[in-house]
Amino acid sequence: MPSIVRTTAAALMLLGVTACDDAPSSPASPLPASPLPASSLPASSAAAFVAPPLRLPQVAPGAACPVTVARQWSGPGKAGRVLGDGPLYPIADYFRGGNELELRPEDREPDGTYGKKVRWIGAGYSGPVLVRAGRIDAPGAASATFSYVGEARDGGHYADLSRENNDLPATTTVAGPGCYAYQVDGTTFSATIVFRAVASTG
């Protein structure tokens, strides 16, 4: 009797092995991926950037325009002087006397505004940047727009700078002669730069 039990057990084991060998060899289905916590999900710097409030200074009508003084430039790129403390600067060489934007008849646009080429230079900063502008001594709009990078956003021009040092062709548009200011914001800085727009005397 014991020999019959042993024989039956051996036969059952053999059948089990054969059944395993006949199973398909496809890999096991992967487990569904667990969603990442919201804080771990990748987000573009554009979506993550929150524009700070616009805080341009105000100047009483007829009062002196508190222009930003141009300073010598010894950083990367081509510029003799710049305006502001950076790390993104309008190049002062495009301003008469370093801080006066000269408006010529040929700069006048069909809508009555004036568009002037004002190149910007960046040093030591990469990431989101938003440039806004406005007249600060009277009602009047203004803007600064980079020529080859960025888009309109949050009442200004937004760009995501991929390099730390940048040369940025751009246009500044003003409503006419007056006192104006740029506000330049990044993730690590906020700067205000004041300039005067004047009618050409030539």
C-alpha atoms as a PDB file:
ATOM      1  CA  MET A   1       0.000   0.000   0.000  1.00  0.00           C
ATOM      2  CA  PRO A   2       2.722   2.554   0.838  1.00  0.00           C
ATOM      3  CA  SER A   3       4.317   1.900  -2.553  1.00  0.00           C
ATOM      4  CA  ILE A   4       1.019   2.801  -4.302  1.00  0.00           C
ATOM      5  CA  VAL A   5       0.833   6.098  -2.362  1.00  0.00           C
ATOM      6  CA  ARG A   6       4.429   6.920  -3.261  1.00  0.00           C
ATOM      7  CA  THR A   7       3.770   6.159  -6.946  1.00  0.00           C
ATOM      8  CA  THR A   8       0.622   8.311  -6.987  1.00  0.00           C
ATOM      9  CA  ALA A   9       2.418  11.233  -5.317  1.00  0.00           C
ATOM     10  CA  ALA A  10       5.264  11.034  -7.813  1.00  0.00           C
ATOM     11  CA  ALA A  11       2.810  11.041 -10.718  1.00  0.00           C
ATOM     12  CA  LEU A  12       1.033  14.102  -9.369  1.00  0.00           C
ATOM     13  CA  MET A  13       4.352  15.949  -8.972  1.00  0.00           C
ATOM     14  CA  LEU A  14       5.295  15.088 -12.555  1.00  0.00           C
ATOM     15  CA  LEU A  15       1.971  16.441 -13.831  1.00  0.00           C
ATOM     16  CA  GLY A  16       2.562  19.699 -11.899  1.00  0.00           C
ATOM     17  CA  VAL A  17       5.983  20.176 -13.457  1.00  0.00           C
ATOM     18  CA  THR A  18       4.614  19.491 -16.951  1.00  0.00           C
ATOM     19  CA  ALA A  19       1.806  22.005 -16.433  1.00  0.00           C
ATOM     20  CA  CYS A  20       4.356  24.652 -15.435  1.00  0.00           C
ATOM     21  CA  ASP A  21       6.477  23.944 -18.527  1.00  0.00           C
ATOM     22  CA  ASP A  22       3.406  24.290 -20.778  1.00  0.00           C
ATOM     23  CA  ALA A  23       2.558  27.770 -19.415  1.00  0.00           C
ATOM     24  CA  PRO A  24       3.263  30.683 -21.795  1.00  0.00           C
ATOM     25  CA  SER A  25       6.630  32.351 -21.207  1.00  0.00           C
ATOM     26  CA  SER A  26       5.363  35.916 -21.632  1.00  0.00           C
ATOM     27  CA  PRO A  27       6.597  38.319 -18.974  1.00  0.00           C
ATOM     28  CA  ALA A  28       4.312  39.294 -16.173  1.00  0.00           C
ATOM     29  CA  SER A  29       2.173  42.357 -16.760  1.00  0.00           C
ATOM     30  CA  PRO A  30       3.730  45.457 -15.161  1.00  0.00           C
ATOM     31  CA  LEU A  31       2.000  46.930 -12.171  1.00  0.00           C
ATOM     32  CA  PRO A  32       0.175  50.173 -12.854  1.00  0.00           C
ATOM     33  CA  ALA A  33       2.396  53.163 -12.118  1.00  0.00           C
ATOM     34  CA  SER A  34       1.573  55.046  -8.965  1.00  0.00           C
ATOM     35  CA  PRO A  35       0.923  58.751  -9.579  1.00  0.00           C
ATOM     36  CA  LEU A  36       3.639  61.047  -8.278  1.00  0.00           C
ATOM     37  CA  PRO A  37       2.763  63.476  -5.528  1.00  0.00           C
ATOM     38  CA  ALA A  38       1.866  66.886  -6.941  1.00  0.00           C
ATOM     39  CA  SER A  39       5.057  68.380  -5.541  1.00  0.00           C
ATOM     40  CA  SER A  40       7.149  65.851  -7.479  1.00  0.00           C
ATOM     41  CA  LEU A  41       5.518  66.309 -10.862  1.00  0.00           C
ATOM     42  CA  PRO A  42       7.726  68.151 -13.343  1.00  0.00           C
ATOM     43  CA  ALA A  43       6.440  71.634 -14.135  1.00  0.00           C
ATOM     44  CA  SER A  44       7.732  74.089 -16.716  1.00  0.00           C
ATOM     45  CA  SER A  45       9.291  77.207 -15.284  1.00  0.00           C
ATOM     46  CA  ALA A  46       6.754  79.208 -17.276  1.00  0.00           C
ATOM     47  CA  ALA A  47       3.848  77.581 -15.462  1.00  0.00           C
ATOM     48  CA  ALA A  48       5.597  77.880 -12.104  1.00  0.00           C
ATOM     49  CA  PHE A  49       6.491  81.575 -12.460  1.00  0.00           C
ATOM     50  CA  VAL A  50       4.097  83.943 -10.687  1.00  0.00           C
ATOM     51  CA  ALA A  51       4.334  87.573 -11.770  1.00  0.00           C
ATOM     52  CA  PRO A  52       4.993  89.938  -8.850  1.00  0.00           C
ATOM     53  CA  PRO A  53       2.724  92.982  -8.547  1.00  0.00           C
ATOM     54  CA  LEU A  54       3.633  95.930 -10.774  1.00  0.00           C
ATOM     55  CA  ARG A  55       5.088  98.635  -8.513  1.00  0.00           C
ATOM     56  CA  LEU A  56       6.289 101.436 -10.755  1.00  0.00           C
ATOM     57  CA  PRO A  57       7.195 104.685  -8.980  1.00  0.00           C
ATOM     58  CA  GLN A  58       4.924 107.697  -9.414  1.00  0.00           C
ATOM     59  CA  VAL A  59       6.105 111.186 -10.309  1.00  0.00           C
ATOM     60  CA  ALA A  60       3.995 114.316  -9.950  1.00  0.00           C
ATOM     61  CA  PRO A  61       3.233 116.104 -13.235  1.00  0.00           C
ATOM     62  CA  GLY A  62       5.970 118.623 -13.940  1.00  0.00           C
ATOM     63  CA  ALA A  63       8.365 117.137 -11.376  1.00  0.00           C
ATOM     64  CA  ALA A  64      11.859 116.035 -12.347  1.00  0.00           C
ATOM     65  CA  CYS A  65      12.105 112.517 -13.753  1.00  0.00           C
ATOM     66  CA  PRO A  66      14.273 110.447 -11.342  1.00  0.00           C
ATOM     67  CA  VAL A  67      16.228 108.733 -14.111  1.00  0.00           C
ATOM     68  CA  THR A  68      18.485 105.773 -13.408  1.00  0.00           C
ATOM     69  CA  VAL A  69      22.117 106.748 -13.847  1.00  0.00           C
ATOM     70  CA  ALA A  70      23.975 104.793 -16.533  1.00  0.00           C
ATOM     71  CA  ARG A  71      27.093 102.945 -15.447  1.00  0.00           C
ATOM     72  CA  GLN A  72      30.076 101.490 -17.229  1.00  0.00           C
ATOM     73  CA  TRP A  73      29.816  97.875 -18.318  1.00  0.00           C
ATOM     74  CA  SER A  74      32.675  95.379 -18.066  1.00  0.00           C
ATOM     75  CA  GLY A  75      30.671  92.139 -18.145  1.00  0.00           C
ATOM     76  CA  PRO A  76      29.997  89.727 -21.021  1.00  0.00           C
ATOM     77  CA  GLY A  77      28.623  90.939 -24.341  1.00  0.00           C
ATOM     78  CA  LYS A  78      28.977  94.205 -26.223  1.00  0.00           C
ATOM     79  CA  ALA A  79      27.969  97.286 -24.251  1.00  0.00           C
ATOM     80  CA  GLY A  80      29.649 100.469 -23.117  1.00  0.00           C
ATOM     81  CA  ARG A  81      27.134 101.376 -20.410  1.00  0.00           C
ATOM     82  CA  VAL A  82      24.014  99.800 -18.919  1.00  0.00           C
ATOM     83  CA  LEU A  83      21.075 100.883 -16.784  1.00  0.00           C
ATOM     84  CA  GLY A  84      20.134  99.268 -13.487  1.00  0.00           C
ATOM     85  CA  ASP A  85      21.600  96.732 -11.103  1.00  0.00           C
ATOM     86  CA  GLY A  86      20.828  93.664 -13.192  1.00  0.00           C
ATOM     87  CA  PRO A  87      21.167  90.840 -13.737  1.00  0.00           C
ATOM     88  CA  LEU A  88      19.173  91.927 -16.842  1.00  0.00           C
ATOM     89  CA  TYR A  89      19.982  95.396 -18.176  1.00  0.00           C
ATOM     90  CA  PRO A  90      18.836  97.704 -20.978  1.00  0.00           C
ATOM     91  CA  ILE A  91      21.968  98.927 -22.738  1.00  0.00           C
ATOM     92  CA  ALA A  92      22.389 102.641 -22.041  1.00  0.00           C
ATOM     93  CA  ASP A  93      24.215 103.182 -25.344  1.00  0.00           C
ATOM     94  CA  TYR A  94      20.763 103.311 -27.015  1.00  0.00           C
ATOM     95  CA  PHE A  95      19.754 106.309 -24.854  1.00  0.00           C
ATOM     96  CA  ARG A  96      20.924 109.858 -25.403  1.00  0.00           C
ATOM     97  CA  GLY A  97      23.101 110.772 -22.437  1.00  0.00           C
ATOM     98  CA  GLY A  98      22.628 107.252 -21.121  1.00  0.00           C
ATOM     99  CA  ASN A  99      19.006 107.569 -19.960  1.00  0.00           C
ATOM    100  CA  GLU A 100      17.031 109.661 -22.501  1.00  0.00           C
ATOM    101  CA  LEU A 101      15.197 107.802 -25.249  1.00  0.00           C
ATOM    102  CA  GLU A 102      15.245 110.141 -28.242  1.00  0.00           C
ATOM    103  CA  LEU A 103      12.005 110.037 -30.243  1.00  0.00           C
ATOM    104  CA  ARG A 104      12.440 110.859 -33.925  1.00  0.00           C
ATOM    105  CA  PRO A 105       9.661 111.355 -36.484  1.00  0.00           C
ATOM    106  CA  GLU A 106      10.674 108.099 -38.202  1.00  0.00           C
ATOM    107  CA  ASP A 107      10.155 106.207 -34.927  1.00  0.00           C
ATOM    108  CA  ARG A 108       6.447 107.069 -34.890  1.00  0.00           C
ATOM    109  CA  GLU A 109       4.128 104.103 -35.458  1.00  0.00           C
ATOM    110  CA  PRO A 110       0.754 104.237 -37.264  1.00  0.00           C
ATOM    111  CA  ASP A 111      -1.031 104.182 -33.887  1.00  0.00           C
ATOM    112  CA  GLY A 112       0.882 107.258 -32.709  1.00  0.00           C
ATOM    113  CA  THR A 113       3.308 105.487 -30.379  1.00  0.00           C
ATOM    114  CA  TYR A 114       7.084 105.465 -30.809  1.00  0.00           C
ATOM    115  CA  GLY A 115       9.118 102.287 -31.197  1.00  0.00           C
ATOM    116  CA  LYS A 116      12.839 102.358 -30.449  1.00  0.00           C
ATOM    117  CA  LYS A 117      15.471  99.645 -30.662  1.00  0.00           C
ATOM    118  CA  VAL A 118      16.914  99.076 -27.178  1.00  0.00           C
ATOM    119  CA  ARG A 119      19.064  95.980 -26.775  1.00  0.00           C
ATOM    120  CA  TRP A 120      19.233  94.195 -23.422  1.00  0.00           C
ATOM    121  CA  ILE A 121      22.039  92.190 -21.918  1.00  0.00           C
ATOM    122  CA  GLY A 122      21.904  89.514 -19.230  1.00  0.00           C
ATOM    123  CA  ALA A 123      24.713  88.283 -17.018  1.00  0.00           C
ATOM    124  CA  GLY A 124      24.691  85.518 -14.418  1.00  0.00           C
ATOM    125  CA  TYR A 125      21.014  84.613 -14.561  1.00  0.00           C
ATOM    126  CA  SER A 126      18.976  81.932 -16.322  1.00  0.00           C
ATOM    127  CA  GLY A 127      15.283  81.254 -15.917  1.00  0.00           C
ATOM    128  CA  PRO A 128      12.013  83.149 -16.188  1.00  0.00           C
ATOM    129  CA  VAL A 129      12.036  86.904 -16.673  1.00  0.00           C
ATOM    130  CA  LEU A 130       9.169  89.358 -17.101  1.00  0.00           C
ATOM    131  CA  VAL A 131       9.695  92.921 -18.356  1.00  0.00           C
ATOM    132  CA  ARG A 132       6.906  95.473 -17.937  1.00  0.00           C
ATOM    133  CA  ALA A 133       6.916  99.221 -18.518  1.00  0.00           C
ATOM    134  CA  GLY A 134       4.729 102.270 -18.050  1.00  0.00           C
ATOM    135  CA  ARG A 135       4.661 106.029 -17.940  1.00  0.00           C
ATOM    136  CA  ILE A 136       5.018 107.300 -14.384  1.00  0.00           C
ATOM    137  CA  ASP A 137       4.389 111.065 -14.642  1.00  0.00           C
ATOM    138  CA  ALA A 138       1.078 110.973 -16.517  1.00  0.00           C
ATOM    139  CA  PRO A 139      -1.269 108.488 -18.190  1.00  0.00           C
ATOM    140  CA  GLY A 140       0.415 106.606 -21.018  1.00  0.00           C
ATOM    141  CA  ALA A 141       1.358 103.077 -21.961  1.00  0.00           C
ATOM    142  CA  ALA A 142       4.795 101.615 -22.634  1.00  0.00           C
ATOM    143  CA  SER A 143       6.297  98.215 -23.311  1.00  0.00           C
ATOM    144  CA  ALA A 144       9.541  96.341 -23.908  1.00  0.00           C
ATOM    145  CA  THR A 145       9.543  93.335 -26.229  1.00  0.00           C
ATOM    146  CA  PHE A 146      12.415  90.938 -26.954  1.00  0.00           C
ATOM    147  CA  SER A 147      12.715  90.301 -30.690  1.00  0.00           C
ATOM    148  CA  TYR A 148      13.456  86.571 -30.863  1.00  0.00           C
ATOM    149  CA  VAL A 149      12.424  85.014 -27.565  1.00  0.00           C
ATOM    150  CA  GLY A 150       9.412  85.108 -25.299  1.00  0.00           C
ATOM    151  CA  GLU A 151       5.783  86.103 -25.504  1.00  0.00           C
ATOM    152  CA  ALA A 152       3.229  88.577 -24.182  1.00  0.00           C
ATOM    153  CA  ARG A 153       2.148  87.674 -20.655  1.00  0.00           C
ATOM    154  CA  ASP A 154       1.021  89.301 -17.404  1.00  0.00           C
ATOM    155  CA  GLY A 155       0.935  92.784 -18.921  1.00  0.00           C
ATOM    156  CA  GLY A 156       4.497  92.585 -20.208  1.00  0.00           C
ATOM    157  CA  HIS A 157       6.948  90.414 -22.124  1.00  0.00           C
ATOM    158  CA  TYR A 158       7.899  87.038 -20.623  1.00  0.00           C
ATOM    159  CA  ALA A 159      10.881  84.894 -21.612  1.00  0.00           C
ATOM    160  CA  ASP A 160      12.580  81.818 -20.180  1.00  0.00           C
ATOM    161  CA  LEU A 161      16.322  82.359 -20.558  1.00  0.00           C
ATOM    162  CA  SER A 162      18.170  79.082 -21.014  1.00  0.00           C
ATOM    163  CA  ARG A 163      21.670  80.546 -20.612  1.00  0.00           C
ATOM    164  CA  GLU A 164      23.218  82.669 -17.888  1.00  0.00           C
ATOM    165  CA  ASN A 165      24.644  85.258 -20.306  1.00  0.00           C
ATOM    166  CA  ASN A 166      22.293  86.702 -22.933  1.00  0.00           C
ATOM    167  CA  ASP A 167      22.286  89.292 -25.710  1.00  0.00           C
ATOM    168  CA  LEU A 168      18.668  90.249 -26.367  1.00  0.00           C
ATOM    169  CA  PRO A 169      17.665  92.487 -29.286  1.00  0.00           C
ATOM    170  CA  ALA A 170      14.471  94.264 -28.249  1.00  0.00           C
ATOM    171  CA  THR A 171      12.132  97.189 -28.867  1.00  0.00           C
ATOM    172  CA  THR A 172      10.892  99.721 -26.347  1.00  0.00           C
ATOM    173  CA  THR A 173       7.596 101.410 -27.219  1.00  0.00           C
ATOM    174  CA  VAL A 174       6.368 104.597 -25.517  1.00  0.00           C
ATOM    175  CA  ALA A 175       3.320 106.821 -25.954  1.00  0.00           C
ATOM    176  CA  GLY A 176       5.386 109.991 -26.391  1.00  0.00           C
ATOM    177  CA  PRO A 177       7.726 112.277 -24.445  1.00  0.00           C
ATOM    178  CA  GLY A 178       7.578 111.759 -20.687  1.00  0.00           C
ATOM    179  CA  CYS A 179       8.999 109.882 -17.724  1.00  0.00           C
ATOM    180  CA  TYR A 180       8.890 106.081 -17.921  1.00  0.00           C
ATOM    181  CA  ALA A 181      10.056 103.035 -15.993  1.00  0.00           C
ATOM    182  CA  TYR A 182      10.759  99.372 -16.637  1.00  0.00           C
ATOM    183  CA  GLN A 183      10.076  96.744 -13.987  1.00  0.00           C
ATOM    184  CA  VAL A 184      12.173  93.628 -14.529  1.00  0.00           C
ATOM    185  CA  ASP A 185      11.331  90.506 -12.508  1.00  0.00           C
ATOM    186  CA  GLY A 186      12.944  87.082 -12.275  1.00  0.00           C
ATOM    187  CA  THR A 187      12.847  84.303  -9.725  1.00  0.00           C
ATOM    188  CA  THR A 188      15.675  85.850  -7.692  1.00  0.00           C
ATOM    189  CA  PHE A 189      15.391  89.594  -8.346  1.00  0.00           C
ATOM    190  CA  SER A 190      13.120  92.567  -9.044  1.00  0.00           C
ATOM    191  CA  ALA A 191      14.481  95.809 -10.489  1.00  0.00           C
ATOM    192  CA  THR A 192      13.044  99.183 -11.497  1.00  0.00           C
ATOM    193  CA  ILE A 193      14.794 101.309 -14.134  1.00  0.00           C
ATOM    194  CA  VAL A 194      13.623 104.872 -14.861  1.00  0.00           C
ATOM    195  CA  PHE A 195      14.281 106.726 -18.116  1.00  0.00           C
ATOM    196  CA  ARG A 196      13.036 109.805 -19.917  1.00  0.00           C
ATOM    197  CA  ALA A 197      11.602 109.861 -23.453  1.00  0.00           C
ATOM    198  CA  VAL A 198      12.314 113.151 -25.240  1.00  0.00           C
ATOM    199  CA  ALA A 199      11.444 114.562 -28.638  1.00  0.00           C
ATOM    200  CA  SER A 200      14.366 114.784 -31.038  1.00  0.00           C
ATOM    201  CA  THR A 201      15.800 118.232 -31.536  1.00  0.00           C
ATOM    202  CA  GLY A 202      17.521 117.302 -34.766  1.00  0.00           C
END
